[in-house]
N, C-alpha and C. Protein backbone atom coordinates (compact mmCIF):
# COMPACT_ATOMS: atom_id res chain seq x y z
N UNK A 1 37.67 19.46 46.66
CA UNK A 1 38.28 20.52 45.90
C UNK A 1 37.97 20.31 44.41
N UNK A 2 37.57 21.36 43.74
CA UNK A 2 37.26 21.25 42.32
C UNK A 2 38.44 21.70 41.49
N UNK A 3 38.39 21.40 40.20
CA UNK A 3 39.50 21.78 39.33
C UNK A 3 39.64 23.30 39.23
N UNK A 4 38.52 24.03 39.34
CA UNK A 4 38.62 25.49 39.25
C UNK A 4 39.34 26.07 40.46
N UNK A 5 39.23 25.43 41.61
CA UNK A 5 39.92 25.94 42.78
C UNK A 5 41.40 25.58 42.76
N UNK A 6 41.80 24.73 41.84
CA UNK A 6 43.20 24.36 41.71
C UNK A 6 43.93 25.26 40.72
N UNK A 7 43.26 26.29 40.22
CA UNK A 7 43.92 27.23 39.33
C UNK A 7 43.63 26.99 37.86
N UNK A 8 42.92 25.94 37.52
CA UNK A 8 42.59 25.68 36.12
C UNK A 8 41.43 26.59 35.72
N UNK A 9 41.61 27.33 34.65
CA UNK A 9 40.59 28.25 34.18
C UNK A 9 40.09 27.73 32.84
N UNK A 10 38.77 27.58 32.73
CA UNK A 10 38.19 27.14 31.47
C UNK A 10 38.17 28.31 30.50
N UNK A 11 38.71 28.11 29.32
CA UNK A 11 38.74 29.14 28.30
C UNK A 11 37.78 28.80 27.18
N UNK A 12 37.22 29.85 26.58
CA UNK A 12 36.31 29.69 25.45
C UNK A 12 36.80 30.53 24.29
N UNK A 13 36.63 29.99 23.08
CA UNK A 13 37.01 30.70 21.88
C UNK A 13 35.75 31.36 21.31
N UNK A 14 35.81 32.66 21.11
CA UNK A 14 34.70 33.43 20.56
C UNK A 14 35.07 33.81 19.14
N UNK A 15 34.22 33.42 18.18
CA UNK A 15 34.44 33.79 16.78
C UNK A 15 33.33 34.76 16.38
N UNK A 16 33.73 35.94 15.96
CA UNK A 16 32.77 36.94 15.49
C UNK A 16 32.53 36.70 14.01
N UNK A 17 31.31 36.31 13.66
CA UNK A 17 30.97 35.98 12.29
C UNK A 17 30.57 37.22 11.51
N UNK A 18 30.88 37.23 10.22
CA UNK A 18 30.48 38.34 9.37
C UNK A 18 31.29 39.60 9.57
N UNK A 19 32.52 39.48 10.03
CA UNK A 19 33.34 40.67 10.28
C UNK A 19 34.36 40.89 9.18
N UNK A 20 34.17 40.26 8.05
CA UNK A 20 35.11 40.42 6.95
C UNK A 20 35.57 39.08 6.42
N UNK A 21 36.62 39.14 5.66
CA UNK A 21 37.14 37.93 5.02
C UNK A 21 37.59 36.88 6.04
N UNK A 22 38.33 37.33 7.03
CA UNK A 22 38.78 36.45 8.11
C UNK A 22 38.01 36.82 9.38
N UNK A 23 37.25 35.88 9.95
CA UNK A 23 36.51 36.23 11.18
C UNK A 23 37.46 36.54 12.33
N UNK A 24 37.04 37.47 13.17
CA UNK A 24 37.82 37.83 14.35
C UNK A 24 37.60 36.76 15.41
N UNK A 25 38.69 36.29 16.01
CA UNK A 25 38.62 35.25 17.03
C UNK A 25 39.35 35.75 18.27
N UNK A 26 38.72 35.54 19.42
CA UNK A 26 39.41 35.87 20.67
C UNK A 26 39.10 34.80 21.71
N UNK A 27 39.95 34.71 22.69
CA UNK A 27 39.80 33.72 23.75
C UNK A 27 39.46 34.45 25.05
N UNK A 28 38.42 33.94 25.73
CA UNK A 28 38.00 34.57 26.99
C UNK A 28 37.86 33.50 28.06
N UNK A 29 37.89 33.95 29.30
CA UNK A 29 37.66 33.04 30.43
C UNK A 29 36.17 32.81 30.59
N UNK A 30 35.82 31.76 31.28
CA UNK A 30 34.42 31.37 31.44
C UNK A 30 33.57 32.50 32.02
N UNK A 31 34.11 33.29 32.90
CA UNK A 31 33.36 34.38 33.51
C UNK A 31 33.03 35.52 32.56
N UNK A 32 33.69 35.57 31.41
CA UNK A 32 33.46 36.65 30.45
C UNK A 32 32.48 36.27 29.35
N UNK A 33 32.14 35.01 29.23
CA UNK A 33 31.31 34.53 28.12
C UNK A 33 29.95 35.22 28.10
N UNK A 34 29.28 35.30 29.22
CA UNK A 34 27.95 35.91 29.26
C UNK A 34 28.00 37.37 28.80
N UNK A 35 29.02 38.11 29.21
CA UNK A 35 29.15 39.51 28.80
C UNK A 35 29.39 39.63 27.30
N UNK A 36 30.18 38.72 26.74
CA UNK A 36 30.44 38.74 25.30
C UNK A 36 29.15 38.47 24.53
N UNK A 37 28.37 37.49 25.00
CA UNK A 37 27.10 37.16 24.35
C UNK A 37 26.14 38.35 24.42
N UNK A 38 26.06 38.96 25.59
CA UNK A 38 25.17 40.12 25.76
C UNK A 38 25.59 41.27 24.84
N UNK A 39 26.88 41.55 24.80
CA UNK A 39 27.39 42.62 23.95
C UNK A 39 27.08 42.34 22.48
N UNK A 40 27.29 41.12 22.05
CA UNK A 40 27.01 40.76 20.66
C UNK A 40 25.53 40.93 20.34
N UNK A 41 24.66 40.52 21.25
CA UNK A 41 23.22 40.66 21.05
C UNK A 41 22.78 42.11 20.96
N UNK A 42 23.37 42.95 21.79
CA UNK A 42 23.03 44.37 21.79
C UNK A 42 23.42 45.05 20.48
N UNK A 43 24.45 44.53 19.82
CA UNK A 43 24.96 45.15 18.60
C UNK A 43 24.62 44.35 17.34
N UNK A 44 23.74 43.37 17.47
CA UNK A 44 23.30 42.59 16.31
C UNK A 44 24.40 41.75 15.67
N UNK A 45 25.37 41.34 16.47
CA UNK A 45 26.49 40.56 15.96
C UNK A 45 26.21 39.07 16.15
N UNK A 46 26.70 38.28 15.21
CA UNK A 46 26.61 36.83 15.35
C UNK A 46 27.97 36.32 15.82
N UNK A 47 27.93 35.45 16.83
CA UNK A 47 29.16 34.87 17.34
C UNK A 47 29.01 33.37 17.47
N UNK A 48 30.14 32.71 17.47
CA UNK A 48 30.22 31.28 17.72
C UNK A 48 31.04 31.12 19.00
N UNK A 49 30.50 30.41 19.97
CA UNK A 49 31.18 30.20 21.25
C UNK A 49 31.48 28.72 21.39
N UNK A 50 32.73 28.39 21.64
CA UNK A 50 33.09 26.98 21.85
C UNK A 50 34.23 26.89 22.86
N UNK A 51 34.25 25.81 23.63
CA UNK A 51 35.34 25.65 24.60
C UNK A 51 36.66 25.44 23.89
N UNK A 52 37.71 25.99 24.46
CA UNK A 52 39.05 25.80 23.90
C UNK A 52 39.51 24.39 24.24
N UNK A 53 40.05 23.73 23.25
CA UNK A 53 40.55 22.38 23.46
C UNK A 53 42.04 22.38 23.77
N UNK A 54 42.67 23.53 23.59
CA UNK A 54 44.09 23.64 23.92
C UNK A 54 44.37 25.02 24.47
N UNK A 55 45.33 25.14 25.35
CA UNK A 55 45.63 26.46 25.91
C UNK A 55 46.23 27.36 24.84
N UNK A 56 46.04 28.67 24.97
CA UNK A 56 46.65 29.58 24.00
C UNK A 56 48.17 29.46 24.06
N UNK A 57 48.80 29.61 22.91
CA UNK A 57 50.25 29.49 22.86
C UNK A 57 50.89 30.73 23.46
N UNK A 58 51.89 30.49 24.28
CA UNK A 58 52.62 31.60 24.85
C UNK A 58 53.74 31.99 23.91
N UNK A 59 54.11 33.26 23.88
CA UNK A 59 55.18 33.68 22.98
C UNK A 59 56.48 32.97 23.32
N UNK A 60 57.24 32.68 22.30
CA UNK A 60 58.52 32.01 22.47
C UNK A 60 59.54 33.03 22.96
N UNK A 61 60.04 32.82 24.18
CA UNK A 61 60.98 33.78 24.76
C UNK A 61 62.43 33.32 24.63
N UNK A 62 62.62 32.19 23.96
CA UNK A 62 63.99 31.70 23.78
C UNK A 62 64.75 32.59 22.79
N UNK A 63 66.03 32.75 23.06
CA UNK A 63 66.87 33.52 22.14
C UNK A 63 67.61 32.52 21.25
N UNK A 64 67.59 32.80 19.94
CA UNK A 64 68.31 31.94 19.02
C UNK A 64 69.73 32.44 18.86
N UNK A 65 70.67 31.51 18.74
CA UNK A 65 72.08 31.89 18.57
C UNK A 65 72.44 32.05 17.12
């Protein structure tokens, strides 16, 4: 059994370069990386692709008193 079959999904951080003062960053699953690269190439966009070293933070659902 591999780690992917255990429910672990590898995430990648995509940084769109040259999109303004603050670059746009999004997180995608491994299966989406090729499509993001293809889309960027078709539109002349530069991107930086790197594996996520930490999972995305989930919103805090706790209620403060």
